[in-house]
């Protein structure tokens, strides 16, 4: 199974201090057995769904899930996840990062892909949340 990552970023392509579903866009990478390779950059067309009426809306969560499943993403990378994390980790492996630098995150993920791959292979619901902070992967 290919590992396909979606990085939650702002308009400038930088990680942001917002929930995954509030990202301006997603940068999609695929692991080629050694490296993360850029695949695409897509706008988050679901960013504003239901936000004015309800934060952490199930409607928005399902829209983001369906949107990313259509392009075969199985790992989400963000500086924050919100209330919909309970829905998200039924479909994706969430990776919570502290580093703002995309290049550092890519290098780190390339070194730790085997752990993430094992989690994806299990094909279970409620995937574990991986955390990367201060050079440590939990």
N, C-alpha and C. Protein backbone atom coordinates (compact mmCIF):
# COMPACT_ATOMS: atom_id res chain seq x y z
N UNK A 1 0.85 -1.19 0.00
CA UNK A 1 0.00 0.00 0.00
C UNK A 1 0.88 1.24 0.00
N UNK A 2 0.57 2.18 -0.88
CA UNK A 2 1.30 3.43 -0.92
C UNK A 2 0.87 4.34 0.22
N UNK A 3 1.84 5.03 0.77
CA UNK A 3 1.54 6.01 1.80
C UNK A 3 1.39 7.35 1.10
N UNK A 4 0.25 7.97 1.30
CA UNK A 4 0.00 9.28 0.71
C UNK A 4 -0.36 10.24 1.83
N UNK A 5 0.40 11.31 1.92
CA UNK A 5 0.31 12.30 2.98
C UNK A 5 -0.36 13.57 2.48
N UNK A 6 -1.19 14.19 3.33
CA UNK A 6 -1.73 15.53 3.05
C UNK A 6 -1.26 16.44 4.18
N UNK A 7 -0.48 17.47 3.82
CA UNK A 7 0.01 18.46 4.77
C UNK A 7 -0.97 19.64 4.76
N UNK A 8 -1.45 20.04 5.92
CA UNK A 8 -2.36 21.18 6.05
C UNK A 8 -1.54 22.47 6.11
N UNK A 9 -1.69 23.33 5.09
CA UNK A 9 -0.87 24.54 5.01
C UNK A 9 -1.72 25.77 4.70
N UNK A 10 -1.09 26.94 4.85
CA UNK A 10 -1.77 28.19 4.52
C UNK A 10 -1.54 28.54 3.05
N UNK A 11 -1.98 29.72 2.64
CA UNK A 11 -1.87 30.15 1.24
C UNK A 11 -0.43 30.21 0.76
N UNK A 12 0.51 30.43 1.69
CA UNK A 12 1.93 30.52 1.34
C UNK A 12 2.62 29.16 1.34
N UNK A 13 1.89 28.11 1.69
CA UNK A 13 2.47 26.78 1.73
C UNK A 13 3.20 26.47 3.03
N UNK A 14 2.88 27.22 4.08
CA UNK A 14 3.50 27.00 5.39
C UNK A 14 2.51 26.33 6.34
N UNK A 15 3.04 25.52 7.26
CA UNK A 15 2.17 24.96 8.29
C UNK A 15 1.58 26.10 9.08
N UNK A 16 0.36 25.92 9.55
CA UNK A 16 -0.33 26.97 10.27
C UNK A 16 -0.84 26.46 11.61
N UNK A 17 -1.13 27.37 12.51
CA UNK A 17 -1.69 27.01 13.81
C UNK A 17 -3.21 27.02 13.73
N UNK A 18 -3.73 26.19 12.83
CA UNK A 18 -5.17 26.02 12.68
C UNK A 18 -5.46 24.53 12.61
N UNK A 19 -6.71 24.19 12.86
CA UNK A 19 -7.11 22.79 12.74
C UNK A 19 -6.94 22.32 11.30
N UNK A 20 -6.75 21.03 11.12
CA UNK A 20 -6.53 20.45 9.80
C UNK A 20 -7.60 20.88 8.80
N UNK A 21 -8.85 20.83 9.18
CA UNK A 21 -9.95 21.16 8.28
C UNK A 21 -10.06 22.63 7.94
N UNK A 22 -9.31 23.49 8.66
CA UNK A 22 -9.33 24.92 8.40
C UNK A 22 -8.17 25.38 7.52
N UNK A 23 -7.36 24.44 7.04
CA UNK A 23 -6.23 24.79 6.18
C UNK A 23 -6.72 25.44 4.89
N UNK A 24 -5.91 26.33 4.36
CA UNK A 24 -6.24 26.93 3.06
C UNK A 24 -6.10 25.91 1.94
N UNK A 25 -5.08 25.06 2.07
CA UNK A 25 -4.84 24.05 1.05
C UNK A 25 -4.08 22.88 1.65
N UNK A 26 -3.97 21.83 0.87
CA UNK A 26 -3.23 20.63 1.27
C UNK A 26 -2.15 20.35 0.23
N UNK A 27 -0.95 20.08 0.73
CA UNK A 27 0.13 19.65 -0.15
C UNK A 27 0.20 18.14 -0.01
N UNK A 28 0.11 17.44 -1.12
CA UNK A 28 0.03 15.98 -1.12
C UNK A 28 1.37 15.40 -1.56
N UNK A 29 1.87 14.45 -0.75
CA UNK A 29 3.11 13.74 -1.02
C UNK A 29 2.83 12.25 -1.01
N UNK A 30 3.65 11.51 -1.73
CA UNK A 30 3.58 10.05 -1.69
C UNK A 30 4.96 9.51 -1.36
N UNK A 31 4.99 8.47 -0.58
CA UNK A 31 6.25 7.84 -0.20
C UNK A 31 6.62 6.82 -1.27
N UNK A 32 7.83 6.94 -1.82
CA UNK A 32 8.26 6.06 -2.91
C UNK A 32 9.20 4.95 -2.42
N UNK A 33 9.10 4.55 -1.19
CA UNK A 33 9.91 3.56 -0.49
C UNK A 33 11.19 4.16 0.09
N UNK A 34 11.51 5.39 -0.26
CA UNK A 34 12.68 6.06 0.30
C UNK A 34 12.37 7.51 0.68
N UNK A 35 11.70 8.20 -0.22
CA UNK A 35 11.48 9.63 -0.06
C UNK A 35 10.00 9.99 -0.19
N UNK A 36 9.68 11.17 0.35
CA UNK A 36 8.35 11.74 0.08
C UNK A 36 8.48 12.54 -1.21
N UNK A 37 7.60 12.25 -2.14
CA UNK A 37 7.62 12.89 -3.44
C UNK A 37 6.37 13.74 -3.59
N UNK A 38 6.55 14.99 -4.01
CA UNK A 38 5.43 15.90 -4.22
C UNK A 38 4.51 15.33 -5.29
N UNK A 39 3.20 15.32 -5.00
CA UNK A 39 2.19 14.85 -5.95
C UNK A 39 1.33 16.01 -6.45
N UNK A 40 0.81 16.81 -5.51
CA UNK A 40 -0.12 17.85 -5.91
C UNK A 40 -0.32 18.84 -4.77
N UNK A 41 -0.87 19.97 -5.11
CA UNK A 41 -1.28 20.98 -4.14
C UNK A 41 -2.74 21.28 -4.46
N UNK A 42 -3.62 21.07 -3.48
CA UNK A 42 -5.05 21.24 -3.74
C UNK A 42 -5.66 22.20 -2.73
N UNK A 43 -6.59 23.00 -3.20
CA UNK A 43 -7.31 23.90 -2.30
C UNK A 43 -8.25 23.11 -1.41
N UNK A 44 -8.42 23.60 -0.20
CA UNK A 44 -9.37 23.00 0.73
C UNK A 44 -10.75 23.58 0.44
N UNK A 45 -11.48 22.92 -0.43
CA UNK A 45 -12.79 23.42 -0.85
C UNK A 45 -13.84 23.30 0.26
N UNK A 46 -13.51 22.61 1.34
CA UNK A 46 -14.46 22.39 2.44
C UNK A 46 -14.18 23.27 3.65
N UNK A 47 -13.26 24.18 3.51
CA UNK A 47 -12.79 25.00 4.62
C UNK A 47 -13.89 25.73 5.37
N UNK A 48 -14.86 26.27 4.67
CA UNK A 48 -15.87 27.12 5.30
C UNK A 48 -17.21 26.45 5.55
N UNK A 49 -17.29 25.15 5.34
CA UNK A 49 -18.56 24.44 5.56
C UNK A 49 -18.96 24.52 7.04
N UNK A 50 -20.14 25.00 7.29
CA UNK A 50 -20.77 24.97 8.62
C UNK A 50 -20.01 25.68 9.74
N UNK A 51 -18.93 26.37 9.45
CA UNK A 51 -18.14 26.98 10.52
C UNK A 51 -18.86 28.11 11.25
N UNK A 52 -19.73 28.79 10.57
CA UNK A 52 -20.42 29.89 11.23
C UNK A 52 -21.48 29.40 12.21
N UNK A 53 -22.00 28.20 11.98
CA UNK A 53 -23.04 27.69 12.86
C UNK A 53 -22.51 26.73 13.92
N UNK A 54 -21.47 25.99 13.59
CA UNK A 54 -20.99 25.00 14.55
C UNK A 54 -19.53 24.67 14.32
N UNK A 55 -18.70 24.92 15.33
CA UNK A 55 -17.28 24.56 15.25
C UNK A 55 -17.16 23.05 15.42
N UNK A 56 -16.32 22.41 14.61
CA UNK A 56 -16.18 20.97 14.69
C UNK A 56 -17.36 20.23 14.10
N UNK A 57 -17.94 20.81 13.08
CA UNK A 57 -19.15 20.23 12.48
C UNK A 57 -18.90 18.88 11.84
N UNK A 58 -19.82 17.96 12.06
CA UNK A 58 -19.74 16.63 11.47
C UNK A 58 -19.84 16.71 9.94
N UNK A 59 -20.66 17.64 9.47
CA UNK A 59 -20.82 17.83 8.02
C UNK A 59 -19.47 18.20 7.39
N UNK A 60 -18.76 19.13 8.01
CA UNK A 60 -17.45 19.55 7.50
C UNK A 60 -16.45 18.39 7.60
N UNK A 61 -16.45 17.70 8.72
CA UNK A 61 -15.54 16.57 8.90
C UNK A 61 -15.73 15.52 7.82
N UNK A 62 -16.97 15.16 7.54
CA UNK A 62 -17.25 14.17 6.50
C UNK A 62 -16.86 14.67 5.12
N UNK A 63 -17.05 15.95 4.86
CA UNK A 63 -16.68 16.52 3.56
C UNK A 63 -15.16 16.44 3.35
N UNK A 64 -14.39 16.78 4.38
CA UNK A 64 -12.93 16.71 4.29
C UNK A 64 -12.49 15.25 4.12
N UNK A 65 -13.07 14.36 4.88
CA UNK A 65 -12.73 12.93 4.77
C UNK A 65 -12.98 12.43 3.35
N UNK A 66 -14.15 12.68 2.81
CA UNK A 66 -14.48 12.21 1.46
C UNK A 66 -13.59 12.83 0.40
N UNK A 67 -13.29 14.11 0.54
CA UNK A 67 -12.43 14.84 -0.40
C UNK A 67 -11.04 14.20 -0.48
N UNK A 68 -10.46 13.90 0.68
CA UNK A 68 -9.10 13.35 0.70
C UNK A 68 -9.05 11.86 0.38
N UNK A 69 -10.11 11.14 0.71
CA UNK A 69 -10.16 9.72 0.34
C UNK A 69 -10.20 9.53 -1.17
N UNK A 70 -10.85 10.47 -1.87
CA UNK A 70 -10.94 10.39 -3.33
C UNK A 70 -9.57 10.45 -3.99
N UNK A 71 -8.61 11.07 -3.33
CA UNK A 71 -7.26 11.15 -3.91
C UNK A 71 -6.29 10.22 -3.18
N UNK A 72 -6.85 9.24 -2.47
CA UNK A 72 -6.08 8.16 -1.84
C UNK A 72 -5.11 8.59 -0.75
N UNK A 73 -5.42 9.67 -0.07
CA UNK A 73 -4.62 10.09 1.08
C UNK A 73 -4.92 9.13 2.23
N UNK A 74 -3.88 8.75 2.98
CA UNK A 74 -4.12 7.92 4.17
C UNK A 74 -3.42 8.45 5.42
N UNK A 75 -2.65 9.54 5.29
CA UNK A 75 -1.98 10.14 6.45
C UNK A 75 -2.18 11.65 6.40
N UNK A 76 -2.61 12.23 7.52
CA UNK A 76 -2.82 13.67 7.62
C UNK A 76 -1.76 14.27 8.53
N UNK A 77 -1.16 15.37 8.09
CA UNK A 77 -0.09 16.02 8.84
C UNK A 77 -0.49 17.46 9.11
N UNK A 78 -0.51 17.83 10.40
CA UNK A 78 -0.96 19.17 10.77
C UNK A 78 -0.36 19.58 12.11
N UNK A 79 -0.39 20.89 12.36
CA UNK A 79 0.04 21.39 13.66
C UNK A 79 -1.08 21.31 14.68
N UNK A 80 -2.33 21.16 14.20
CA UNK A 80 -3.48 21.03 15.11
C UNK A 80 -4.56 20.17 14.47
N UNK A 81 -5.27 19.47 15.31
CA UNK A 81 -6.49 18.77 14.91
C UNK A 81 -7.57 19.21 15.88
N UNK A 82 -8.80 19.28 15.42
CA UNK A 82 -9.90 19.73 16.25
C UNK A 82 -10.78 18.59 16.71
N UNK A 83 -12.02 18.92 17.00
CA UNK A 83 -12.98 17.96 17.52
C UNK A 83 -13.24 16.81 16.55
N UNK A 84 -13.06 17.05 15.28
CA UNK A 84 -13.31 16.00 14.30
C UNK A 84 -12.22 14.93 14.25
N UNK A 85 -11.23 15.05 15.11
CA UNK A 85 -10.18 14.02 15.16
C UNK A 85 -10.78 12.64 15.42
N UNK A 86 -11.87 12.60 16.19
CA UNK A 86 -12.54 11.33 16.48
C UNK A 86 -13.08 10.69 15.20
N UNK A 87 -13.46 11.51 14.23
CA UNK A 87 -13.93 11.00 12.94
C UNK A 87 -12.75 10.70 12.02
N UNK A 88 -11.79 11.59 12.03
CA UNK A 88 -10.64 11.51 11.13
C UNK A 88 -9.84 10.24 11.35
N UNK A 89 -9.55 9.92 12.60
CA UNK A 89 -8.67 8.77 12.83
C UNK A 89 -9.34 7.42 12.59
N UNK A 90 -10.59 7.44 12.17
CA UNK A 90 -11.23 6.21 11.70
C UNK A 90 -10.86 5.92 10.25
N UNK A 91 -10.34 6.94 9.55
CA UNK A 91 -10.04 6.83 8.13
C UNK A 91 -8.59 7.10 7.78
N UNK A 92 -7.90 7.88 8.61
CA UNK A 92 -6.54 8.32 8.32
C UNK A 92 -5.67 8.19 9.56
N UNK A 93 -4.36 8.09 9.34
CA UNK A 93 -3.41 8.16 10.44
C UNK A 93 -3.06 9.64 10.61
N UNK A 94 -3.40 10.23 11.76
CA UNK A 94 -3.06 11.63 11.98
C UNK A 94 -1.64 11.77 12.55
N UNK A 95 -0.91 12.74 12.01
CA UNK A 95 0.43 13.05 12.51
C UNK A 95 0.41 14.50 12.96
N UNK A 96 0.61 14.70 14.25
CA UNK A 96 0.62 16.02 14.86
C UNK A 96 2.06 16.49 14.96
N UNK A 97 2.35 17.64 14.38
CA UNK A 97 3.73 18.13 14.36
C UNK A 97 3.84 19.44 15.12
N UNK A 98 5.03 19.73 15.62
CA UNK A 98 5.29 21.01 16.28
C UNK A 98 6.13 21.91 15.39
N UNK A 99 6.94 21.32 14.53
CA UNK A 99 7.84 22.07 13.66
C UNK A 99 7.06 22.82 12.59
N UNK A 100 7.41 24.06 12.35
CA UNK A 100 6.75 24.87 11.33
C UNK A 100 7.36 24.64 9.95
N UNK A 101 8.53 24.03 9.91
CA UNK A 101 9.28 23.90 8.67
C UNK A 101 8.90 22.63 7.91
N UNK A 102 8.42 22.79 6.69
CA UNK A 102 7.99 21.65 5.89
C UNK A 102 9.15 20.72 5.56
N UNK A 103 10.31 21.29 5.21
CA UNK A 103 11.46 20.45 4.85
C UNK A 103 11.90 19.57 6.03
N UNK A 104 11.92 20.13 7.24
CA UNK A 104 12.27 19.34 8.43
C UNK A 104 11.26 18.22 8.64
N UNK A 105 10.00 18.54 8.46
CA UNK A 105 8.94 17.55 8.64
C UNK A 105 9.07 16.43 7.61
N UNK A 106 9.35 16.78 6.36
CA UNK A 106 9.53 15.77 5.32
C UNK A 106 10.69 14.84 5.69
N UNK A 107 11.81 15.40 6.07
CA UNK A 107 12.99 14.58 6.44
C UNK A 107 12.65 13.66 7.60
N UNK A 108 11.97 14.21 8.59
CA UNK A 108 11.62 13.41 9.76
C UNK A 108 10.68 12.27 9.38
N UNK A 109 9.66 12.58 8.58
CA UNK A 109 8.71 11.55 8.18
C UNK A 109 9.39 10.47 7.33
N UNK A 110 10.31 10.87 6.47
CA UNK A 110 11.04 9.89 5.66
C UNK A 110 11.81 8.91 6.54
N UNK A 111 12.34 9.39 7.65
CA UNK A 111 13.10 8.52 8.58
C UNK A 111 12.19 7.63 9.41
N UNK A 112 10.93 8.00 9.56
CA UNK A 112 10.02 7.28 10.45
C UNK A 112 8.83 6.66 9.72
N UNK A 113 8.96 6.48 8.44
CA UNK A 113 7.85 5.98 7.64
C UNK A 113 7.46 4.56 8.01
N UNK A 114 8.41 3.75 8.44
CA UNK A 114 8.08 2.34 8.74
C UNK A 114 7.04 2.23 9.85
N UNK A 115 7.13 3.08 10.87
CA UNK A 115 6.14 3.04 11.96
C UNK A 115 4.76 3.44 11.46
N UNK A 116 4.71 4.46 10.63
CA UNK A 116 3.44 4.91 10.08
C UNK A 116 2.87 3.84 9.16
N UNK A 117 3.73 3.25 8.35
CA UNK A 117 3.31 2.19 7.43
C UNK A 117 2.69 1.02 8.18
N UNK A 118 3.29 0.63 9.29
CA UNK A 118 2.73 -0.46 10.10
C UNK A 118 1.33 -0.12 10.59
N UNK A 119 1.14 1.12 10.98
CA UNK A 119 -0.18 1.56 11.46
C UNK A 119 -1.20 1.51 10.32
N UNK A 120 -0.81 1.97 9.13
CA UNK A 120 -1.71 1.95 7.97
C UNK A 120 -2.07 0.52 7.58
N UNK A 121 -1.10 -0.38 7.61
CA UNK A 121 -1.32 -1.77 7.22
C UNK A 121 -2.37 -2.46 8.08
N UNK A 122 -2.51 -2.01 9.30
CA UNK A 122 -3.46 -2.66 10.22
C UNK A 122 -4.90 -2.48 9.76
N UNK A 123 -5.16 -1.47 8.95
CA UNK A 123 -6.50 -1.21 8.40
C UNK A 123 -7.59 -1.32 9.46
N UNK A 124 -7.36 -0.66 10.54
CA UNK A 124 -8.34 -0.68 11.61
C UNK A 124 -8.98 0.69 11.75
N UNK A 125 -9.95 0.78 12.57
CA UNK A 125 -10.48 2.10 12.88
C UNK A 125 -9.73 2.64 14.08
N UNK A 126 -9.90 3.89 14.31
CA UNK A 126 -9.23 4.57 15.42
C UNK A 126 -7.72 4.39 15.38
N UNK A 127 -7.13 4.81 14.27
CA UNK A 127 -5.68 4.78 14.15
C UNK A 127 -5.03 5.58 15.25
N UNK A 128 -3.84 5.17 15.64
CA UNK A 128 -3.09 5.92 16.64
C UNK A 128 -2.68 7.27 16.08
N UNK A 129 -2.55 8.22 16.97
CA UNK A 129 -2.08 9.56 16.61
C UNK A 129 -0.58 9.58 16.84
N UNK A 130 0.17 9.94 15.80
CA UNK A 130 1.61 10.08 15.94
C UNK A 130 1.92 11.54 16.22
N UNK A 131 2.87 11.77 17.13
CA UNK A 131 3.26 13.13 17.49
C UNK A 131 4.75 13.30 17.24
N UNK A 132 5.09 14.42 16.62
CA UNK A 132 6.47 14.76 16.34
C UNK A 132 6.74 16.12 16.96
N UNK A 133 7.54 16.13 18.03
CA UNK A 133 7.89 17.38 18.69
C UNK A 133 9.30 17.28 19.25
N UNK A 134 10.06 18.33 19.07
CA UNK A 134 11.43 18.39 19.59
C UNK A 134 12.27 17.20 19.15
N UNK A 135 12.09 16.78 17.91
CA UNK A 135 12.88 15.69 17.35
C UNK A 135 12.47 14.31 17.82
N UNK A 136 11.37 14.22 18.55
CA UNK A 136 10.93 12.93 19.08
C UNK A 136 9.62 12.52 18.41
N UNK A 137 9.54 11.25 18.06
CA UNK A 137 8.36 10.70 17.42
C UNK A 137 7.68 9.77 18.40
N UNK A 138 6.41 10.02 18.72
CA UNK A 138 5.69 9.19 19.69
C UNK A 138 4.51 8.53 19.03
